[in-house]
N, C-alpha and C. Protein backbone atom coordinates (compact mmCIF):
# COMPACT_ATOMS: atom_id res chain seq x y z
N MET A 1 0.86 -1.18 0.00
CA MET A 1 0.00 0.00 0.00
C MET A 1 0.90 1.24 0.00
N ASP A 2 0.63 2.16 -0.94
CA ASP A 2 1.45 3.37 -0.98
C ASP A 2 0.97 4.37 0.07
N GLU A 3 1.71 5.46 0.21
CA GLU A 3 1.43 6.45 1.24
C GLU A 3 0.03 7.06 1.12
N LYS A 4 -0.39 7.40 -0.10
CA LYS A 4 -1.70 8.01 -0.30
C LYS A 4 -2.83 7.04 0.06
N GLN A 5 -2.69 5.79 -0.32
CA GLN A 5 -3.71 4.79 0.04
C GLN A 5 -3.79 4.62 1.56
N ALA A 6 -2.63 4.66 2.23
CA ALA A 6 -2.60 4.53 3.69
C ALA A 6 -3.31 5.71 4.35
N ILE A 7 -3.12 6.91 3.81
CA ILE A 7 -3.77 8.10 4.36
C ILE A 7 -5.28 8.02 4.15
N ILE A 8 -5.70 7.63 2.96
CA ILE A 8 -7.13 7.50 2.67
C ILE A 8 -7.76 6.46 3.58
N LYS A 9 -7.08 5.33 3.76
CA LYS A 9 -7.60 4.27 4.63
C LYS A 9 -7.76 4.78 6.06
N LEU A 10 -6.85 5.63 6.50
CA LEU A 10 -6.88 6.16 7.85
C LEU A 10 -8.03 7.15 8.07
N ILE A 11 -8.29 8.02 7.09
CA ILE A 11 -9.27 9.09 7.32
C ILE A 11 -10.66 8.81 6.78
N MET A 12 -10.80 7.89 5.85
CA MET A 12 -12.11 7.61 5.27
C MET A 12 -12.92 6.70 6.18
N PRO A 13 -14.22 6.94 6.26
CA PRO A 13 -15.05 6.06 7.09
C PRO A 13 -15.18 4.67 6.47
N LYS A 14 -15.44 3.70 7.34
CA LYS A 14 -15.69 2.32 6.91
C LYS A 14 -17.16 2.14 6.55
N ALA A 15 -18.00 2.99 7.14
CA ALA A 15 -19.44 2.97 6.89
C ALA A 15 -20.00 4.30 7.37
N VAL A 16 -21.26 4.55 7.04
CA VAL A 16 -21.95 5.73 7.55
C VAL A 16 -23.36 5.34 8.00
N LEU A 17 -23.89 6.14 8.88
CA LEU A 17 -25.29 6.05 9.27
C LEU A 17 -25.97 7.29 8.70
N LYS A 18 -26.80 7.11 7.68
CA LYS A 18 -27.47 8.22 7.03
C LYS A 18 -28.80 8.48 7.74
N ALA A 19 -28.96 9.71 8.24
CA ALA A 19 -30.19 10.08 8.94
C ALA A 19 -31.37 10.06 7.98
N LEU A 20 -32.47 9.43 8.39
CA LEU A 20 -33.66 9.31 7.54
C LEU A 20 -34.82 10.20 7.98
N THR A 21 -34.67 10.82 9.13
CA THR A 21 -35.73 11.71 9.63
C THR A 21 -35.09 13.00 10.14
N PRO A 22 -35.86 14.08 10.22
CA PRO A 22 -35.30 15.31 10.78
C PRO A 22 -34.79 15.13 12.21
N GLU A 23 -35.49 14.31 13.00
CA GLU A 23 -35.07 14.07 14.39
C GLU A 23 -33.73 13.32 14.42
N ALA A 24 -33.58 12.34 13.54
CA ALA A 24 -32.33 11.58 13.47
C ALA A 24 -31.18 12.49 13.07
N TYR A 25 -31.44 13.38 12.13
CA TYR A 25 -30.43 14.34 11.69
C TYR A 25 -30.04 15.27 12.84
N ARG A 26 -31.03 15.83 13.54
CA ARG A 26 -30.75 16.76 14.65
C ARG A 26 -30.06 16.07 15.81
N ALA A 27 -30.23 14.76 15.95
CA ALA A 27 -29.65 14.04 17.08
C ALA A 27 -28.15 13.83 16.94
N ILE A 28 -27.62 13.97 15.73
CA ILE A 28 -26.18 13.80 15.53
C ILE A 28 -25.50 15.12 15.89
N PRO A 29 -24.61 15.11 16.88
CA PRO A 29 -23.91 16.35 17.25
C PRO A 29 -23.12 16.91 16.05
N THR A 30 -23.11 18.22 15.91
CA THR A 30 -22.48 18.85 14.75
C THR A 30 -21.00 18.49 14.61
N ASN A 31 -20.31 18.26 15.71
CA ASN A 31 -18.89 17.95 15.61
C ASN A 31 -18.63 16.53 15.07
N LEU A 32 -19.67 15.71 14.95
CA LEU A 32 -19.53 14.35 14.42
C LEU A 32 -20.28 14.16 13.11
N GLN A 33 -20.83 15.23 12.57
CA GLN A 33 -21.73 15.15 11.42
C GLN A 33 -21.02 15.51 10.12
N VAL A 34 -21.28 14.72 9.09
CA VAL A 34 -20.85 15.04 7.73
C VAL A 34 -22.12 14.99 6.89
N SER A 35 -22.56 16.15 6.43
CA SER A 35 -23.83 16.27 5.71
C SER A 35 -24.93 15.72 6.62
N ASP A 36 -25.68 14.71 6.17
CA ASP A 36 -26.74 14.13 6.99
C ASP A 36 -26.34 12.76 7.52
N MET A 37 -25.03 12.56 7.72
CA MET A 37 -24.52 11.24 8.10
C MET A 37 -23.58 11.32 9.30
N ALA A 38 -23.55 10.20 10.03
CA ALA A 38 -22.56 9.99 11.08
C ALA A 38 -21.57 8.95 10.54
N CYS A 39 -20.29 9.25 10.62
CA CYS A 39 -19.27 8.37 10.05
C CYS A 39 -18.81 7.32 11.06
N ILE A 40 -18.64 6.10 10.57
CA ILE A 40 -18.10 5.00 11.37
C ILE A 40 -16.68 4.76 10.86
N LYS A 41 -15.69 5.06 11.70
CA LYS A 41 -14.30 4.91 11.28
C LYS A 41 -13.63 3.67 11.86
N LYS A 42 -14.25 3.06 12.87
CA LYS A 42 -13.66 1.85 13.46
C LYS A 42 -14.77 0.99 14.05
N TYR A 43 -14.46 -0.29 14.20
CA TYR A 43 -15.37 -1.24 14.84
C TYR A 43 -14.70 -1.79 16.08
N PRO A 44 -15.42 -2.15 17.11
CA PRO A 44 -16.85 -1.93 17.29
C PRO A 44 -17.17 -0.44 17.42
N PHE A 45 -18.37 -0.06 16.99
CA PHE A 45 -18.83 1.32 17.02
C PHE A 45 -20.01 1.38 17.97
N CYS A 46 -19.85 2.11 19.06
CA CYS A 46 -20.85 2.16 20.14
C CYS A 46 -21.68 3.44 20.05
N ILE A 47 -22.99 3.29 20.24
CA ILE A 47 -23.92 4.42 20.18
C ILE A 47 -24.72 4.48 21.47
N GLY A 48 -24.88 5.70 21.99
CA GLY A 48 -25.68 5.91 23.19
C GLY A 48 -26.19 7.33 23.25
N ARG A 49 -26.93 7.63 24.30
CA ARG A 49 -27.54 8.94 24.47
C ARG A 49 -26.60 9.89 25.20
N GLU A 50 -26.54 11.10 24.70
CA GLU A 50 -25.82 12.17 25.38
C GLU A 50 -26.79 12.84 26.34
N SER A 51 -26.43 12.87 27.59
CA SER A 51 -27.32 13.49 28.57
C SER A 51 -26.80 14.83 29.06
N ARG A 52 -25.59 15.19 28.65
CA ARG A 52 -25.02 16.46 29.09
C ARG A 52 -24.99 17.44 27.91
N VAL A 53 -26.07 18.20 27.78
CA VAL A 53 -26.23 19.12 26.67
C VAL A 53 -26.59 20.49 27.24
N THR A 54 -26.02 21.53 26.66
CA THR A 54 -26.35 22.89 27.08
C THR A 54 -26.75 23.71 25.85
N LEU A 55 -27.44 24.81 26.08
CA LEU A 55 -27.82 25.73 25.03
C LEU A 55 -26.89 26.92 25.09
N VAL A 56 -26.10 27.12 24.01
CA VAL A 56 -25.15 28.23 23.94
C VAL A 56 -25.49 29.06 22.71
N ASP A 57 -25.88 30.32 22.92
CA ASP A 57 -26.25 31.20 21.82
C ASP A 57 -27.30 30.57 20.91
N GLY A 58 -28.28 29.91 21.49
CA GLY A 58 -29.36 29.30 20.74
C GLY A 58 -29.02 28.00 20.04
N LYS A 59 -27.83 27.45 20.29
CA LYS A 59 -27.39 26.22 19.63
C LYS A 59 -27.03 25.18 20.69
N LEU A 60 -27.49 23.93 20.48
CA LEU A 60 -27.17 22.86 21.42
C LEU A 60 -25.72 22.46 21.29
N GLU A 61 -25.06 22.31 22.43
CA GLU A 61 -23.68 21.84 22.44
C GLU A 61 -23.53 20.77 23.50
N MET A 62 -22.72 19.77 23.19
CA MET A 62 -22.44 18.70 24.14
C MET A 62 -21.46 19.20 25.17
N GLU A 63 -21.68 18.80 26.42
CA GLU A 63 -20.76 19.17 27.49
C GLU A 63 -19.67 18.14 27.69
N ARG A 64 -19.76 17.02 26.98
CA ARG A 64 -18.82 15.92 27.18
C ARG A 64 -17.39 16.39 26.93
N ARG A 65 -16.53 16.08 27.85
CA ARG A 65 -15.10 16.40 27.73
C ARG A 65 -14.33 15.10 27.67
N THR A 66 -13.29 15.06 26.88
CA THR A 66 -12.45 13.87 26.81
C THR A 66 -11.35 14.03 27.86
N LEU A 67 -11.25 13.06 28.74
CA LEU A 67 -10.22 13.08 29.76
C LEU A 67 -9.18 12.04 29.39
N SER A 68 -7.92 12.36 29.62
CA SER A 68 -6.85 11.45 29.20
C SER A 68 -6.92 10.10 29.92
N ASP A 69 -7.47 10.06 31.12
CA ASP A 69 -7.53 8.80 31.88
C ASP A 69 -8.92 8.16 31.86
N CYS A 70 -9.80 8.65 31.00
CA CYS A 70 -11.17 8.15 30.96
C CYS A 70 -11.58 7.87 29.52
N THR A 71 -11.91 6.62 29.24
CA THR A 71 -12.36 6.24 27.91
C THR A 71 -13.88 6.40 27.83
N PRO A 72 -14.39 7.09 26.81
CA PRO A 72 -15.85 7.23 26.68
C PRO A 72 -16.52 5.88 26.45
N ASN A 73 -17.79 5.78 26.85
CA ASN A 73 -18.56 4.55 26.67
C ASN A 73 -19.07 4.39 25.24
N ASN A 74 -19.11 5.48 24.47
CA ASN A 74 -19.67 5.46 23.12
C ASN A 74 -18.77 6.19 22.15
N ASP A 75 -18.87 5.81 20.88
CA ASP A 75 -18.21 6.55 19.81
C ASP A 75 -19.10 7.67 19.32
N LEU A 76 -20.41 7.44 19.34
CA LEU A 76 -21.37 8.43 18.91
C LEU A 76 -22.40 8.63 20.02
N TYR A 77 -22.51 9.86 20.47
CA TYR A 77 -23.50 10.23 21.48
C TYR A 77 -24.62 10.98 20.79
N LEU A 78 -25.81 10.38 20.71
CA LEU A 78 -26.95 11.01 20.09
C LEU A 78 -27.71 11.82 21.13
N ILE A 79 -28.28 12.92 20.68
CA ILE A 79 -29.08 13.77 21.55
C ILE A 79 -30.54 13.38 21.35
N ASP A 80 -31.19 12.88 22.40
CA ASP A 80 -32.58 12.42 22.34
C ASP A 80 -33.50 13.56 22.71
N PHE A 81 -34.25 14.08 21.72
CA PHE A 81 -35.16 15.19 21.95
C PHE A 81 -36.56 14.73 22.30
N GLY A 82 -36.80 13.43 22.36
CA GLY A 82 -38.14 12.89 22.59
C GLY A 82 -38.68 13.20 23.96
N GLU A 83 -40.02 13.30 24.05
CA GLU A 83 -40.67 13.49 25.34
C GLU A 83 -40.39 12.28 26.22
N PHE A 84 -40.47 11.08 25.61
CA PHE A 84 -40.08 9.85 26.28
C PHE A 84 -38.77 9.40 25.64
N LEU A 85 -37.78 9.12 26.45
CA LEU A 85 -36.47 8.79 25.91
C LEU A 85 -36.51 7.47 25.14
N ASN A 86 -35.94 7.49 23.95
CA ASN A 86 -35.83 6.31 23.10
C ASN A 86 -34.44 5.70 23.17
N ILE A 87 -33.45 6.54 23.39
CA ILE A 87 -32.06 6.10 23.32
C ILE A 87 -31.51 5.94 24.74
N SER A 88 -30.94 4.77 25.03
CA SER A 88 -30.31 4.54 26.33
C SER A 88 -28.89 5.12 26.32
N ARG A 89 -28.35 5.34 27.50
CA ARG A 89 -26.99 5.88 27.59
C ARG A 89 -25.98 4.98 26.88
N GLU A 90 -26.17 3.68 26.98
CA GLU A 90 -25.34 2.70 26.26
C GLU A 90 -26.31 1.82 25.47
N HIS A 91 -26.63 2.24 24.24
CA HIS A 91 -27.75 1.63 23.53
C HIS A 91 -27.36 0.44 22.65
N LEU A 92 -26.44 0.65 21.71
CA LEU A 92 -26.12 -0.44 20.79
C LEU A 92 -24.68 -0.37 20.31
N ILE A 93 -24.25 -1.48 19.73
CA ILE A 93 -22.91 -1.60 19.12
C ILE A 93 -23.10 -2.10 17.70
N ILE A 94 -22.40 -1.49 16.76
CA ILE A 94 -22.30 -2.02 15.41
C ILE A 94 -20.89 -2.60 15.31
N ASP A 95 -20.80 -3.87 14.89
CA ASP A 95 -19.50 -4.52 14.82
C ASP A 95 -19.36 -5.24 13.49
N GLN A 96 -18.12 -5.46 13.11
CA GLN A 96 -17.83 -6.18 11.86
C GLN A 96 -17.38 -7.59 12.20
N ARG A 97 -17.87 -8.54 11.44
CA ARG A 97 -17.47 -9.95 11.58
C ARG A 97 -16.89 -10.39 10.26
N ASP A 98 -16.28 -11.58 10.24
CA ASP A 98 -15.67 -12.09 9.01
C ASP A 98 -16.65 -12.10 7.84
N ASN A 99 -17.89 -12.43 8.12
CA ASN A 99 -18.87 -12.56 7.05
C ASN A 99 -19.86 -11.40 6.97
N GLY A 100 -19.59 -10.29 7.63
CA GLY A 100 -20.49 -9.14 7.55
C GLY A 100 -20.50 -8.31 8.81
N TYR A 101 -21.70 -7.83 9.17
CA TYR A 101 -21.86 -6.91 10.29
C TYR A 101 -22.96 -7.41 11.22
N ILE A 102 -22.89 -6.96 12.48
CA ILE A 102 -23.93 -7.27 13.45
C ILE A 102 -24.26 -6.02 14.27
N VAL A 103 -25.48 -6.02 14.80
CA VAL A 103 -25.90 -5.02 15.78
C VAL A 103 -26.09 -5.76 17.09
N ILE A 104 -25.54 -5.20 18.14
CA ILE A 104 -25.69 -5.76 19.48
C ILE A 104 -26.41 -4.71 20.33
N ASP A 105 -27.64 -5.01 20.75
CA ASP A 105 -28.35 -4.13 21.67
C ASP A 105 -27.70 -4.34 23.05
N ARG A 106 -27.29 -3.26 23.70
CA ARG A 106 -26.54 -3.33 24.95
C ARG A 106 -27.45 -3.36 26.19
N GLY A 107 -28.60 -3.98 26.06
CA GLY A 107 -29.51 -4.06 27.19
C GLY A 107 -30.34 -2.79 27.33
N SER A 108 -30.66 -2.16 26.21
CA SER A 108 -31.45 -0.93 26.26
C SER A 108 -32.89 -1.23 26.69
N ASP A 109 -33.55 -0.22 27.18
CA ASP A 109 -34.94 -0.37 27.60
C ASP A 109 -35.87 -0.44 26.39
N SER A 110 -35.66 0.43 25.39
CA SER A 110 -36.56 0.51 24.24
C SER A 110 -36.23 -0.46 23.12
N GLY A 111 -35.01 -0.97 23.07
CA GLY A 111 -34.63 -1.89 22.02
C GLY A 111 -34.17 -1.18 20.76
N THR A 112 -33.89 -1.98 19.74
CA THR A 112 -33.41 -1.52 18.45
C THR A 112 -34.14 -2.33 17.38
N PHE A 113 -34.46 -1.70 16.25
CA PHE A 113 -35.08 -2.42 15.14
C PHE A 113 -34.14 -2.40 13.95
N ILE A 114 -33.96 -3.57 13.34
CA ILE A 114 -33.25 -3.70 12.07
C ILE A 114 -34.35 -4.05 11.08
N GLY A 115 -34.75 -3.08 10.27
CA GLY A 115 -35.96 -3.26 9.46
C GLY A 115 -37.14 -3.41 10.42
N GLU A 116 -37.87 -4.50 10.31
CA GLU A 116 -39.00 -4.76 11.20
C GLU A 116 -38.64 -5.71 12.35
N LYS A 117 -37.40 -6.19 12.38
CA LYS A 117 -36.98 -7.15 13.41
C LYS A 117 -36.51 -6.40 14.66
N ARG A 118 -37.14 -6.72 15.78
CA ARG A 118 -36.76 -6.11 17.06
C ARG A 118 -35.58 -6.86 17.65
N VAL A 119 -34.62 -6.08 18.14
CA VAL A 119 -33.44 -6.63 18.81
C VAL A 119 -33.38 -6.01 20.20
N GLY A 120 -33.38 -6.83 21.22
CA GLY A 120 -33.29 -6.32 22.59
C GLY A 120 -34.57 -5.66 23.04
N GLY A 121 -34.42 -4.78 24.02
CA GLY A 121 -35.56 -4.11 24.64
C GLY A 121 -35.85 -4.72 26.00
N GLY A 122 -36.43 -3.95 26.87
CA GLY A 122 -36.74 -4.44 28.21
C GLY A 122 -35.49 -4.81 28.98
N ASP A 123 -34.40 -4.12 28.69
CA ASP A 123 -33.10 -4.34 29.35
C ASP A 123 -32.52 -5.72 29.08
N SER A 124 -32.99 -6.43 28.02
CA SER A 124 -32.55 -7.81 27.80
C SER A 124 -31.38 -7.94 26.84
N GLY A 125 -31.15 -6.97 25.97
CA GLY A 125 -30.08 -7.07 24.99
C GLY A 125 -30.45 -8.02 23.86
N GLY A 126 -29.54 -8.20 22.92
CA GLY A 126 -29.77 -9.10 21.80
C GLY A 126 -28.84 -8.77 20.65
N THR A 127 -28.80 -9.65 19.65
CA THR A 127 -27.89 -9.52 18.51
C THR A 127 -28.64 -9.81 17.22
N SER A 128 -28.28 -9.10 16.14
CA SER A 128 -28.88 -9.35 14.84
C SER A 128 -27.87 -9.04 13.75
N GLU A 129 -27.98 -9.77 12.65
CA GLU A 129 -27.17 -9.50 11.47
C GLU A 129 -27.54 -8.13 10.93
N LEU A 130 -26.56 -7.43 10.37
CA LEU A 130 -26.78 -6.11 9.77
C LEU A 130 -26.19 -6.14 8.36
N LYS A 131 -26.99 -5.73 7.39
CA LYS A 131 -26.54 -5.73 5.99
C LYS A 131 -26.49 -4.32 5.46
N ASP A 132 -25.66 -4.12 4.44
CA ASP A 132 -25.58 -2.84 3.75
C ASP A 132 -26.98 -2.44 3.29
N GLY A 133 -27.40 -1.23 3.63
CA GLY A 133 -28.71 -0.73 3.25
C GLY A 133 -29.80 -0.95 4.28
N ASP A 134 -29.52 -1.73 5.34
CA ASP A 134 -30.52 -1.95 6.39
C ASP A 134 -30.87 -0.65 7.10
N ILE A 135 -32.12 -0.57 7.54
CA ILE A 135 -32.58 0.58 8.33
C ILE A 135 -32.49 0.20 9.80
N ILE A 136 -31.82 1.05 10.57
CA ILE A 136 -31.68 0.86 12.02
C ILE A 136 -32.56 1.90 12.69
N ALA A 137 -33.50 1.45 13.53
CA ALA A 137 -34.35 2.34 14.31
C ALA A 137 -33.92 2.18 15.76
N ILE A 138 -33.42 3.26 16.34
CA ILE A 138 -32.90 3.21 17.70
C ILE A 138 -34.01 3.62 18.65
N GLY A 139 -34.53 2.65 19.41
CA GLY A 139 -35.61 2.91 20.35
C GLY A 139 -36.86 2.12 20.00
N ALA A 140 -37.97 2.55 20.55
CA ALA A 140 -39.26 1.89 20.34
C ALA A 140 -39.63 1.90 18.86
N HIS A 141 -40.60 1.07 18.46
CA HIS A 141 -40.98 0.95 17.05
C HIS A 141 -41.34 2.30 16.43
N SER A 142 -41.92 3.19 17.19
CA SER A 142 -42.33 4.50 16.68
C SER A 142 -41.22 5.56 16.77
N THR A 143 -40.00 5.17 17.11
CA THR A 143 -38.90 6.12 17.28
C THR A 143 -38.64 6.94 16.02
N PRO A 144 -38.31 8.20 16.19
CA PRO A 144 -37.92 9.01 15.03
C PRO A 144 -36.43 8.86 14.69
N TYR A 145 -35.68 8.11 15.50
CA TYR A 145 -34.24 7.99 15.30
C TYR A 145 -33.95 6.81 14.39
N ARG A 146 -34.06 7.10 13.06
CA ARG A 146 -33.90 6.08 12.02
C ARG A 146 -32.72 6.44 11.12
N TYR A 147 -31.89 5.42 10.87
CA TYR A 147 -30.68 5.61 10.07
C TYR A 147 -30.53 4.47 9.07
N LYS A 148 -29.97 4.77 7.93
CA LYS A 148 -29.65 3.74 6.94
C LYS A 148 -28.17 3.42 7.08
N PHE A 149 -27.84 2.13 7.26
CA PHE A 149 -26.45 1.68 7.37
C PHE A 149 -25.90 1.50 5.96
N ILE A 150 -24.82 2.21 5.66
CA ILE A 150 -24.20 2.13 4.34
C ILE A 150 -22.73 1.76 4.52
N SER A 151 -22.38 0.55 4.08
CA SER A 151 -21.00 0.08 4.17
C SER A 151 -20.19 0.68 3.02
N LEU A 152 -18.99 1.12 3.33
CA LEU A 152 -18.10 1.68 2.32
C LEU A 152 -16.86 0.81 2.12
N MET A 153 -16.86 -0.37 2.70
CA MET A 153 -15.67 -1.24 2.67
C MET A 153 -15.29 -1.70 1.28
N ALA A 154 -16.24 -1.86 0.38
CA ALA A 154 -15.94 -2.40 -0.95
C ALA A 154 -15.47 -1.32 -1.92
N ILE A 155 -15.44 -0.06 -1.50
CA ILE A 155 -15.06 1.02 -2.39
C ILE A 155 -13.54 1.08 -2.51
N SER A 156 -13.06 1.20 -3.73
CA SER A 156 -11.63 1.30 -3.99
C SER A 156 -11.28 2.74 -4.29
N TYR A 157 -10.24 3.26 -3.66
CA TYR A 157 -9.78 4.63 -3.89
C TYR A 157 -8.49 4.56 -4.70
N GLU A 158 -8.51 5.17 -5.87
CA GLU A 158 -7.32 5.15 -6.72
C GLU A 158 -6.84 6.54 -7.01
């Protein structure tokens, strides 16, 4: 692998979560957002709710600080604007396996849907296969937090 390919491999995402609803789009913090997508640069990729949010000059900002001796529980912290919370603090993991991808519900209360298949919920956890193009709904069946999983692993950069 030449130097340019190594740089591209380092900075390009392995997959993205494309927001499918206005609420899903707004839930992605601006510092992690590219257009209407959240980038996945490494696996496992952990998603949970951000509970430390402040309003600064009319704009929501996360209060989360990175401490050198403290590893965050999630790679992506979504902001849940719902009246009833859909996203748990430690909600789900997207991971890569030899033959594809999986979603692991981390014992969330509301669960996760891959298409119409419910994974976890009721604090029970669960696992499901995840395919390129699958719709992930984070929370109860009526959740507005819906994303399309798009794998970029097969793309060649020349």
